Protein backbone atom coordinates (compact mmCIF):
# COMPACT_ATOMS: atom_id res chain seq x y z
CA MET A 1 83.36 -77.19 -12.45
CA PRO A 2 80.60 -77.15 -15.02
CA LEU A 3 77.52 -79.27 -14.52
CA ARG A 4 77.56 -82.62 -16.31
CA LYS A 5 75.04 -85.15 -17.60
CA GLN A 6 71.76 -85.33 -15.67
CA LYS A 7 72.49 -82.30 -13.47
CA ALA A 8 73.16 -80.17 -16.55
CA ILE A 9 69.90 -81.27 -18.16
CA GLN A 10 67.92 -80.64 -14.97
CA ALA A 11 69.38 -77.16 -14.62
CA ALA A 12 69.06 -76.07 -18.25
CA TRP A 13 65.85 -77.55 -19.67
CA LYS A 14 63.49 -74.90 -18.31
CA PRO A 15 65.37 -71.78 -19.53
CA ILE A 16 65.92 -73.39 -22.93
CA LEU A 17 62.24 -74.32 -23.27
CA PHE A 18 61.18 -70.80 -22.26
CA GLN A 19 63.68 -69.37 -24.74
CA TRP A 20 62.15 -71.39 -27.56
CA LEU A 21 58.55 -70.61 -26.55
CA LEU A 22 59.17 -66.86 -26.27
CA PRO A 23 62.61 -65.69 -27.36
CA GLY A 24 64.24 -63.75 -24.55
CA ALA A 25 62.31 -65.56 -21.80
CA GLY A 26 65.19 -67.96 -21.14
CA TYR A 27 67.54 -65.09 -20.39
CA TRP A 28 64.85 -63.52 -18.21
CA VAL A 29 64.58 -66.75 -16.18
CA ILE A 30 68.32 -66.81 -15.46
CA GLY A 31 68.28 -63.15 -14.45
CA GLU A 32 69.77 -61.48 -17.53
CA LYS A 33 66.88 -59.10 -18.06
CA THR A 34 68.65 -56.57 -20.30
CA ARG A 35 69.82 -59.30 -22.66
CA ALA A 36 66.28 -60.73 -22.67
CA LYS A 37 64.71 -57.38 -23.60
CA VAL A 38 67.22 -56.68 -26.36
CA PHE A 39 66.91 -60.14 -27.85
CA LEU A 40 63.09 -60.05 -27.76
CA ALA A 41 63.16 -56.69 -29.56
CA VAL A 42 65.52 -57.98 -32.26
CA TRP A 43 63.52 -61.20 -32.67
CA ALA A 44 60.19 -59.35 -32.92
CA THR A 45 61.63 -56.89 -35.44
CA PHE A 46 62.93 -59.67 -37.66
CA CYS A 47 59.66 -61.63 -37.51
CA ILE A 48 57.49 -58.58 -38.22
CA LEU A 49 59.72 -57.43 -41.09
CA GLY A 50 59.79 -60.94 -42.51
CA ALA A 51 56.03 -61.44 -42.35
CA ALA A 52 55.38 -57.99 -43.81
CA GLN A 53 57.78 -58.55 -46.70
CA MET A 54 56.36 -61.98 -47.49
CA GLN A 55 52.81 -60.55 -47.42
CA LEU A 56 53.60 -57.43 -49.49
CA GLY A 57 55.79 -59.38 -51.92
CA ALA A 58 52.97 -61.72 -52.92
CA VAL A 59 52.51 -61.88 -56.69
CA GLU A 60 48.91 -62.31 -57.82
CA GLY A 61 47.98 -63.44 -54.32
CA VAL A 62 50.51 -66.31 -54.27
CA LYS A 63 52.44 -66.26 -51.02
CA GLY A 64 55.55 -68.23 -50.25
CA GLY A 65 58.84 -68.21 -48.51
CA VAL A 66 58.77 -70.06 -45.18
CA PHE A 67 60.45 -73.43 -45.41
CA VAL A 68 58.45 -76.44 -44.29
CA PRO A 69 59.78 -79.99 -43.88
CA LEU A 70 59.36 -82.19 -46.94
CA ILE A 71 59.86 -85.95 -46.82
CA GLY A 72 62.85 -86.99 -48.91
CA VAL A 73 63.97 -83.42 -49.67
CA TRP A 74 66.69 -82.41 -47.25
CA MET A 75 67.36 -78.74 -48.14
CA PRO A 76 63.86 -77.41 -47.36
CA THR A 77 63.80 -79.62 -44.27
CA LEU A 78 67.05 -78.08 -42.98
CA GLY A 79 65.63 -74.64 -43.72
CA ALA A 80 62.48 -75.57 -41.79
CA LEU A 81 64.54 -76.73 -38.79
CA GLY A 82 66.42 -73.44 -38.78
CA THR A 83 63.25 -71.40 -39.13
CA ALA A 84 61.48 -73.43 -36.42
CA GLY A 85 63.77 -71.72 -33.93
CA ILE A 86 61.37 -68.77 -33.92
CA GLY A 87 59.16 -70.84 -31.63
CA PRO A 88 55.45 -71.62 -31.84
CA ILE A 89 54.89 -68.67 -34.17
CA TYR A 90 56.56 -70.86 -36.82
CA VAL A 91 53.31 -72.82 -37.15
CA ILE A 92 51.39 -69.63 -37.97
CA LEU A 93 53.97 -68.37 -40.47
CA ALA A 94 54.36 -71.80 -42.08
CA TYR A 95 50.58 -72.01 -42.52
CA ALA A 96 50.39 -68.50 -43.99
CA PHE A 97 53.55 -68.47 -46.11
CA GLY A 98 54.70 -72.06 -46.56
CA GLY A 99 53.54 -75.54 -47.31
CA LEU A 100 52.28 -77.37 -50.34
CA GLY A 101 49.70 -74.69 -51.22
CA THR A 102 52.36 -72.08 -51.88
CA GLU A 103 54.90 -71.69 -54.60
CA PRO A 104 58.60 -71.09 -54.31
CA VAL A 105 59.67 -67.52 -53.69
CA ARG A 106 58.79 -65.43 -56.71
CA THR A 107 60.05 -61.98 -55.76
CA LEU A 108 63.09 -60.54 -54.06
CA THR A 109 60.86 -59.04 -51.37
CA GLN A 110 59.53 -62.48 -50.40
CA GLU A 111 63.06 -63.87 -50.33
CA TYR A 112 64.18 -61.12 -47.96
CA GLY A 113 61.16 -61.82 -45.76
CA ALA A 114 61.90 -65.54 -45.61
CA THR A 115 65.53 -64.75 -44.81
CA TYR A 116 64.56 -62.43 -41.94
CA VAL A 117 62.39 -65.15 -40.42
CA MET A 118 65.07 -67.81 -40.84
CA VAL A 119 67.75 -65.58 -39.30
CA ALA A 120 65.44 -64.94 -36.31
CA GLY A 121 65.06 -68.72 -35.90
CA LEU A 122 68.76 -69.46 -36.21
CA LEU A 123 69.59 -66.64 -33.80
CA ASN A 124 67.20 -68.12 -31.26
CA TRP A 125 68.79 -71.57 -31.63
CA LEU A 126 72.18 -69.94 -30.94
CA CYS A 127 70.70 -68.30 -27.85
CA CYS A 128 69.51 -71.73 -26.69
CA PHE A 129 73.08 -73.03 -26.98
CA ASP A 130 74.34 -69.94 -25.15
CA LEU A 131 71.80 -70.54 -22.37
CA TRP A 132 73.02 -74.13 -22.05
CA ASP A 133 76.57 -72.84 -21.60
CA ARG A 134 75.56 -70.15 -19.10
CA VAL A 135 73.34 -72.37 -16.95
CA THR A 136 75.77 -75.30 -16.85
CA GLY A 137 78.85 -73.11 -16.26
CA ARG A 138 80.54 -73.92 -19.57
CA TRP A 139 80.72 -70.29 -20.68
CA VAL A 140 84.09 -70.07 -18.93
CA PHE A 141 85.66 -72.25 -21.61
CA ARG A 142 84.92 -69.58 -24.22
CA LEU A 143 87.28 -67.17 -22.46
CA PRO A 144 90.99 -66.88 -23.22
CA LYS A 145 93.22 -69.17 -21.13
CA ASP A 146 94.57 -66.36 -18.94
CA GLU A 147 91.05 -65.23 -17.98
CA GLN A 148 90.07 -68.85 -17.26
CA ALA A 149 93.04 -69.09 -14.90
CA GLU A 150 91.98 -65.87 -13.10
CA ILE A 151 88.49 -67.24 -12.53
CA ALA A 152 89.89 -70.56 -11.30
CA ARG A 153 92.07 -68.70 -8.77
CA GLY A 154 89.05 -66.64 -7.69
CA GLU A 155 90.46 -63.24 -8.63
C-alpha cells in the first residue's frame, strides 16, 4: 500500500527539496543515479542555452525574458511559478533577465531563451511530482491494470 498523509510527507520532503535545490539530486537520494545524471545534464543544457540566448539576443543592451511575479497580473505570475522550478538559480536569472528594469522580449532569440528556462523549470516540477509518486509507492497506479495485479500478487 502506498504511504498516506503524514508518513508520505515525512518520506518524500527531503528528496523533493533536494530535487528543487539541485535538479537530479532528488533522484540521487532515492538511489536512481542514472536518472539523476541524465536529468541534471538536460536541466543544465536548457539553463545554459536559455541564458546564452537571452544574453546574445539583447537589443541595444536591453535584456528580458524571464518571467517574474507581478501583483495583479496573473499570466506573468504563472510563468514565474513555472520558471521557479529551476531552483535557486531562478533568482540569478530573474535578476539578470527579468523584473521591472527589463522590457518584454524583443527578439526571437530572447523568446527561445526564456522558453528553454521555463521548460527546464516545468520539467523539474514534473520530476518533483514523480519523486512524490516513487517515494510514497504511488507509481504503481500509473501502470496498466494487469501489471498492477502482477505486482500485488508478488510475481
